[in-house]
Amino acid sequence: MIFRLERTNSKHPEFHNLVRRLDAHLSIEDGDKHDFYHQFNSIDNIPYVIVAYMEDSAIACGAMKPFDTNSVEVKRMFTEPSQRGNGLGKAILVELELWAQELGYQDLVLETGRSFDAAIALYKKYGFEVIPNYGQYIGVSSSICFKKSIVK
């Protein structure tokens, strides 16, 4: 599969289209917890966004935003269901990590739902380690948080 990655920001219209599809998916998967999680997933002013394309079609995305002085938080990872299993998630994580290193960050952090087995497997395979839930996810049993050191 041949795809290309584009660095952009949260103003990108294709990112908005992918996030709408992600939110529709999450509203089903998260069930009654969706409103809680949705409040933390605004895409206003996210400075670092990757959109993946196959030919001219946007098929996947991922983003990151500053978390603290040393870390960025990975947000809004999504691959179109028909494109899953083709390495897009890993490719986006690699590009986000490279970008974060270029910006001088030392760590990537993220949160996902405990029920998202494929996402958890991807993050663990790619070197993320489980950490105590941070911020708004402290005490949320349906969340699992990860961290990866990206210092060269």
Protein backbone atom coordinates (compact mmCIF):
# COMPACT_ATOMS: atom_id res chain seq x y z
CA MET A 1 0.00 0.00 0.00
CA ILE A 2 1.36 3.39 -0.98
CA PHE A 3 0.31 6.38 1.06
CA ARG A 4 1.70 9.80 1.86
CA LEU A 5 1.71 11.74 5.10
CA GLU A 6 1.09 15.47 5.29
CA ARG A 7 2.04 17.65 8.24
CA THR A 8 -0.55 20.32 8.93
CA ASN A 9 -2.63 21.72 11.78
CA SER A 10 -6.18 21.41 13.06
CA LYS A 11 -7.52 23.94 10.56
CA HIS A 12 -7.07 21.41 7.74
CA PRO A 13 -10.48 20.45 6.26
CA GLU A 14 -9.55 16.79 5.70
CA PHE A 15 -8.56 16.50 9.35
CA HIS A 16 -12.02 17.83 10.27
CA ASN A 17 -13.67 15.23 8.02
CA LEU A 18 -11.66 12.39 9.57
CA VAL A 19 -12.38 13.61 13.11
CA ARG A 20 -16.12 13.68 12.36
CA ARG A 21 -15.90 10.01 11.35
CA LEU A 22 -13.81 9.25 14.45
CA ASP A 23 -16.36 10.96 16.70
CA ALA A 24 -19.23 9.03 15.10
CA HIS A 25 -17.33 5.80 15.75
CA LEU A 26 -16.51 6.78 19.34
CA SER A 27 -20.09 7.79 20.13
CA ILE A 28 -21.02 4.14 19.53
CA GLU A 29 -17.94 2.57 21.16
CA ASP A 30 -17.93 4.82 24.25
CA GLY A 31 -21.67 4.57 24.82
CA ASP A 32 -22.77 6.51 27.89
CA LYS A 33 -19.16 7.65 28.52
CA HIS A 34 -18.94 9.51 25.20
CA ASP A 35 -19.94 12.93 26.54
CA PHE A 36 -17.27 12.70 29.26
CA TYR A 37 -14.49 11.90 26.78
CA HIS A 38 -15.74 14.23 24.05
CA GLN A 39 -15.20 17.30 26.24
CA PHE A 40 -11.45 16.64 26.18
CA ASN A 41 -11.17 16.12 22.42
CA SER A 42 -11.61 19.59 20.99
CA ILE A 43 -9.57 20.06 17.85
CA ASP A 44 -9.42 23.85 18.15
CA ASN A 45 -5.85 25.05 17.85
CA ILE A 46 -4.01 21.73 17.67
CA PRO A 47 -0.72 22.82 16.11
CA TYR A 48 0.59 19.42 14.97
CA VAL A 49 -1.58 17.21 12.77
CA ILE A 50 -0.72 14.39 10.38
CA VAL A 51 -3.16 13.44 7.62
CA ALA A 52 -2.50 10.27 5.63
CA TYR A 53 -3.60 10.04 2.00
CA MET A 54 -3.96 7.21 -0.46
CA GLU A 55 -3.96 8.93 -3.82
CA ASP A 56 -6.21 11.94 -3.17
CA SER A 57 -8.29 10.42 -0.35
CA ALA A 58 -7.62 11.25 3.30
CA ILE A 59 -7.69 7.90 5.09
CA ALA A 60 -6.11 8.40 8.52
CA CYS A 61 -4.94 11.02 10.97
CA GLY A 62 -3.22 11.68 14.23
CA ALA A 63 -2.32 14.82 16.13
CA MET A 64 -0.38 16.07 19.09
CA LYS A 65 -0.47 19.11 21.28
CA PRO A 66 1.79 20.43 24.02
CA PHE A 67 1.16 18.65 27.32
CA ASP A 68 3.90 20.16 29.48
CA THR A 69 7.33 21.63 28.85
CA ASN A 70 8.83 18.21 28.02
CA SER A 71 5.88 16.30 26.56
CA VAL A 72 3.29 16.35 23.82
CA GLU A 73 0.00 14.49 24.02
CA VAL A 74 -1.04 12.30 21.09
CA LYS A 75 -4.66 12.93 20.16
CA ARG A 76 -7.26 11.97 17.57
CA MET A 77 -5.65 8.86 16.11
CA PHE A 78 -7.99 7.40 13.49
CA THR A 79 -7.79 5.14 10.46
CA GLU A 80 -10.71 4.54 8.14
CA PRO A 81 -12.04 1.05 8.94
CA SER A 82 -11.43 -0.17 5.37
CA GLN A 83 -7.75 0.81 5.67
CA ARG A 84 -6.94 -0.72 9.06
CA GLY A 85 -4.13 -3.26 9.22
CA ASN A 86 -2.07 -1.48 6.55
CA GLY A 87 0.47 0.14 8.88
CA LEU A 88 -1.06 3.61 8.88
CA GLY A 89 -1.26 3.89 12.67
CA LYS A 90 2.40 3.02 13.05
CA ALA A 91 3.41 5.38 10.22
CA ILE A 92 1.52 8.26 11.84
CA LEU A 93 3.06 7.52 15.26
CA VAL A 94 6.54 7.45 13.70
CA GLU A 95 5.94 10.80 12.00
CA LEU A 96 4.50 12.34 15.18
CA GLU A 97 7.51 11.12 17.16
CA LEU A 98 9.95 12.53 14.60
CA TRP A 99 8.11 15.86 14.61
CA ALA A 100 8.09 15.99 18.43
CA GLN A 101 11.84 15.32 18.47
CA GLU A 102 12.40 18.11 15.94
CA LEU A 103 10.44 20.43 18.27
CA GLY A 104 12.63 19.43 21.23
CA TYR A 105 10.15 17.35 23.22
CA GLN A 106 11.31 14.38 25.29
CA ASP A 107 8.13 12.34 25.74
CA LEU A 108 4.88 11.38 24.09
CA VAL A 109 1.85 10.74 26.31
CA LEU A 110 -1.62 9.58 25.42
CA GLU A 111 -4.90 8.21 26.73
CA THR A 112 -7.15 5.62 25.16
CA GLY A 113 -10.09 3.54 26.25
CA ARG A 114 -9.40 0.20 27.92
CA SER A 115 -11.83 -1.42 25.47
CA PHE A 116 -9.77 -0.42 22.41
CA ASP A 117 -7.66 -3.56 22.19
CA ALA A 118 -6.15 -2.80 18.77
CA ALA A 119 -5.03 0.68 19.85
CA ILE A 120 -3.54 -0.64 23.08
CA ALA A 121 -1.67 -3.36 21.18
CA LEU A 122 -0.32 -0.77 18.71
CA TYR A 123 0.91 1.54 21.44
CA LYS A 124 2.57 -1.28 23.39
CA LYS A 125 4.17 -2.72 20.26
CA TYR A 126 5.51 0.71 19.39
CA GLY A 127 7.20 1.16 22.79
CA PHE A 128 4.65 3.02 24.87
CA GLU A 129 4.45 2.00 28.52
CA VAL A 130 1.41 2.14 30.75
CA ILE A 131 1.55 4.98 33.27
CA PRO A 132 -0.84 6.12 36.00
CA ASN A 133 -3.78 8.00 34.56
CA TYR A 134 -3.06 11.70 34.33
CA GLY A 135 -5.09 14.89 34.47
CA GLN A 136 -8.78 14.49 33.74
CA TYR A 137 -8.35 10.70 33.46
CA ILE A 138 -7.30 10.19 37.08
CA GLY A 139 -9.81 7.81 38.64
CA VAL A 140 -11.44 6.97 35.29
CA SER A 141 -11.42 3.18 35.20
CA SER A 142 -12.30 2.99 31.49
CA SER A 143 -9.14 4.95 30.54
CA ILE A 144 -5.57 3.76 30.18
CA CYS A 145 -2.65 6.16 29.80
CA PHE A 146 0.73 5.64 28.14
CA LYS A 147 4.09 7.35 27.84
CA LYS A 148 7.07 6.92 25.54
CA SER A 149 10.45 8.55 25.93
CA ILE A 150 11.67 9.89 22.58
CA VAL A 151 15.06 11.24 23.62
CA LYS A 152 17.69 10.15 21.13
